Amino acid sequence: MSAVRTSISQLGHIGISKNSVTELKSKLSQLSTELSTLAADAKGQWAPQIASLKSALATAQTAVTDLTSGSGSASTAVASIAGVASAASALLSTATKSC
């Protein structure tokens, strides 16, 4: 859970620069990997919250990829990252209550 929490925190600390999209893609990929590890370790615990975060993460990854290809918009990417933050908050809240 600690690795997921750290990755989520890092998403909020990406500055605006010419490398922002690349950095964002990297952070989202890292979170995806850590979330998969958490899901395997949790063995079904927090399954609805993990599924929700995985879905939000997939949406964000698509939105950021679309930015790279020029077919997306910054507002869509920002909204999708907000969705990741919301889903992550729900997971962390539920996990904290059960620990």
C-alpha atoms as a PDB file:
ATOM      1  CA  MET A   1       0.000   0.000   0.000  1.00  0.00           C
ATOM      2  CA  SER A   2       2.901   2.318   0.732  1.00  0.00           C
ATOM      3  CA  ALA A   3       4.204   2.145  -2.856  1.00  0.00           C
ATOM      4  CA  VAL A   4       0.752   2.972  -4.255  1.00  0.00           C
ATOM      5  CA  ARG A   5       0.399   5.881  -1.821  1.00  0.00           C
ATOM      6  CA  THR A   6       3.815   7.251  -2.866  1.00  0.00           C
ATOM      7  CA  SER A   7       3.039   6.947  -6.583  1.00  0.00           C
ATOM      8  CA  ILE A   8      -0.267   8.748  -6.142  1.00  0.00           C
ATOM      9  CA  SER A   9       1.461  11.519  -4.238  1.00  0.00           C
ATOM     10  CA  GLN A  10       4.031  11.911  -7.017  1.00  0.00           C
ATOM     11  CA  LEU A  11       1.285  12.483  -9.595  1.00  0.00           C
ATOM     12  CA  GLY A  12       0.458  15.736  -7.847  1.00  0.00           C
ATOM     13  CA  HIS A  13       4.024  16.974  -8.010  1.00  0.00           C
ATOM     14  CA  ILE A  14       4.647  17.069 -11.742  1.00  0.00           C
ATOM     15  CA  GLY A  15       5.603  20.513 -12.962  1.00  0.00           C
ATOM     16  CA  ILE A  16       4.629  21.970 -16.303  1.00  0.00           C
ATOM     17  CA  SER A  17       7.459  21.643 -18.814  1.00  0.00           C
ATOM     18  CA  LYS A  18       8.172  20.207 -22.218  1.00  0.00           C
ATOM     19  CA  ASN A  19       8.734  16.826 -20.505  1.00  0.00           C
ATOM     20  CA  SER A  20       5.512  16.850 -18.459  1.00  0.00           C
ATOM     21  CA  VAL A  21       3.644  14.376 -20.663  1.00  0.00           C
ATOM     22  CA  THR A  22       6.552  11.938 -20.672  1.00  0.00           C
ATOM     23  CA  GLU A  23       6.883  12.211 -16.902  1.00  0.00           C
ATOM     24  CA  LEU A  24       3.149  11.773 -16.450  1.00  0.00           C
ATOM     25  CA  LYS A  25       3.132   8.650 -18.629  1.00  0.00           C
ATOM     26  CA  SER A  26       5.977   7.246 -16.556  1.00  0.00           C
ATOM     27  CA  LYS A  27       4.240   7.960 -13.237  1.00  0.00           C
ATOM     28  CA  LEU A  28       0.972   6.441 -14.451  1.00  0.00           C
ATOM     29  CA  SER A  29       2.806   3.340 -15.646  1.00  0.00           C
ATOM     30  CA  GLN A  30       4.565   3.032 -12.292  1.00  0.00           C
ATOM     31  CA  LEU A  31       1.248   3.363 -10.451  1.00  0.00           C
ATOM     32  CA  SER A  32      -0.275   0.702 -12.698  1.00  0.00           C
ATOM     33  CA  THR A  33       2.526  -1.719 -11.861  1.00  0.00           C
ATOM     34  CA  GLU A  34       2.266  -1.030  -8.143  1.00  0.00           C
ATOM     35  CA  LEU A  35      -1.514  -1.349  -8.218  1.00  0.00           C
ATOM     36  CA  SER A  36      -1.229  -4.751  -9.892  1.00  0.00           C
ATOM     37  CA  THR A  37       1.161  -5.851  -7.151  1.00  0.00           C
ATOM     38  CA  LEU A  38      -1.203  -4.547  -4.477  1.00  0.00           C
ATOM     39  CA  ALA A  39      -4.152  -6.347  -6.061  1.00  0.00           C
ATOM     40  CA  ALA A  40      -2.238  -9.639  -6.073  1.00  0.00           C
ATOM     41  CA  ASP A  41      -1.071  -9.162  -2.490  1.00  0.00           C
ATOM     42  CA  ALA A  42      -4.530  -8.124  -1.262  1.00  0.00           C
ATOM     43  CA  LYS A  43      -6.069 -11.374  -2.548  1.00  0.00           C
ATOM     44  CA  GLY A  44      -9.486  -9.854  -3.173  1.00  0.00           C
ATOM     45  CA  GLN A  45      -9.483  -7.417  -0.286  1.00  0.00           C
ATOM     46  CA  TRP A  46     -10.517  -3.934  -1.465  1.00  0.00           C
ATOM     47  CA  ALA A  47     -11.419  -5.444  -4.858  1.00  0.00           C
ATOM     48  CA  PRO A  48     -14.093  -2.836  -5.758  1.00  0.00           C
ATOM     49  CA  GLN A  49     -11.791   0.058  -4.892  1.00  0.00           C
ATOM     50  CA  ILE A  50      -8.838  -1.474  -6.752  1.00  0.00           C
ATOM     51  CA  ALA A  51     -11.025  -2.099  -9.813  1.00  0.00           C
ATOM     52  CA  SER A  52     -12.232   1.497  -9.719  1.00  0.00           C
ATOM     53  CA  LEU A  53      -8.672   2.801  -9.515  1.00  0.00           C
ATOM     54  CA  LYS A  54      -7.557   0.505 -12.353  1.00  0.00           C
ATOM     55  CA  SER A  55     -10.386   1.850 -14.509  1.00  0.00           C
ATOM     56  CA  ALA A  56      -9.547   5.473 -13.694  1.00  0.00           C
ATOM     57  CA  LEU A  57      -5.898   4.762 -14.358  1.00  0.00           C
ATOM     58  CA  ALA A  58      -6.651   3.250 -17.776  1.00  0.00           C
ATOM     59  CA  THR A  59      -8.712   6.322 -18.660  1.00  0.00           C
ATOM     60  CA  ALA A  60      -5.865   8.616 -17.579  1.00  0.00           C
ATOM     61  CA  GLN A  61      -3.279   6.630 -19.514  1.00  0.00           C
ATOM     62  CA  THR A  62      -5.411   6.899 -22.652  1.00  0.00           C
ATOM     63  CA  ALA A  63      -5.914  10.643 -22.140  1.00  0.00           C
ATOM     64  CA  VAL A  64      -2.180  11.216 -21.708  1.00  0.00           C
ATOM     65  CA  THR A  65      -1.348   9.051 -24.729  1.00  0.00           C
ATOM     66  CA  ASP A  66      -3.859  11.079 -26.735  1.00  0.00           C
ATOM     67  CA  LEU A  67      -1.980  14.229 -25.707  1.00  0.00           C
ATOM     68  CA  THR A  68       1.205  12.750 -27.131  1.00  0.00           C
ATOM     69  CA  SER A  69      -0.454  11.950 -30.439  1.00  0.00           C
ATOM     70  CA  GLY A  70      -2.082  15.363 -30.646  1.00  0.00           C
ATOM     71  CA  SER A  71      -5.629  14.002 -30.567  1.00  0.00           C
ATOM     72  CA  GLY A  72      -6.269  14.773 -26.894  1.00  0.00           C
ATOM     73  CA  SER A  73      -6.734  17.855 -24.788  1.00  0.00           C
ATOM     74  CA  ALA A  74      -5.064  19.029 -21.622  1.00  0.00           C
ATOM     75  CA  SER A  75      -8.439  19.476 -19.924  1.00  0.00           C
ATOM     76  CA  THR A  76      -9.365  15.843 -20.606  1.00  0.00           C
ATOM     77  CA  ALA A  77      -6.015  14.682 -19.246  1.00  0.00           C
ATOM     78  CA  VAL A  78      -6.372  16.832 -16.127  1.00  0.00           C
ATOM     79  CA  ALA A  79      -9.914  15.574 -15.533  1.00  0.00           C
ATOM     80  CA  SER A  80      -8.765  11.975 -15.903  1.00  0.00           C
ATOM     81  CA  ILE A  81      -5.933  12.525 -13.408  1.00  0.00           C
ATOM     82  CA  ALA A  82      -8.518  13.953 -11.009  1.00  0.00           C
ATOM     83  CA  GLY A  83     -10.456  10.714 -11.495  1.00  0.00           C
ATOM     84  CA  VAL A  84      -7.346   8.747 -10.520  1.00  0.00           C
ATOM     85  CA  ALA A  85      -6.946  10.890  -7.416  1.00  0.00           C
ATOM     86  CA  SER A  86     -10.574  10.355  -6.435  1.00  0.00           C
ATOM     87  CA  ALA A  87     -10.430   6.574  -6.933  1.00  0.00           C
ATOM     88  CA  ALA A  88      -7.121   6.423  -5.084  1.00  0.00           C
ATOM     89  CA  SER A  89      -8.564   8.391  -2.194  1.00  0.00           C
ATOM     90  CA  ALA A  90     -11.432   5.904  -1.908  1.00  0.00           C
ATOM     91  CA  LEU A  91      -9.005   2.963  -1.910  1.00  0.00           C
ATOM     92  CA  LEU A  92      -6.689   4.523   0.659  1.00  0.00           C
ATOM     93  CA  SER A  93      -9.619   5.465   2.882  1.00  0.00           C
ATOM     94  CA  THR A  94     -11.041   1.938   2.790  1.00  0.00           C
ATOM     95  CA  ALA A  95      -7.640   0.345   3.325  1.00  0.00           C
ATOM     96  CA  THR A  96      -6.860   2.618   6.270  1.00  0.00           C
ATOM     97  CA  LYS A  97     -10.141   1.673   7.946  1.00  0.00           C
ATOM     98  CA  SER A  98      -9.413  -2.032   7.626  1.00  0.00           C
ATOM     99  CA  CYS A  99      -5.794  -1.913   8.799  1.00  0.00           C
END
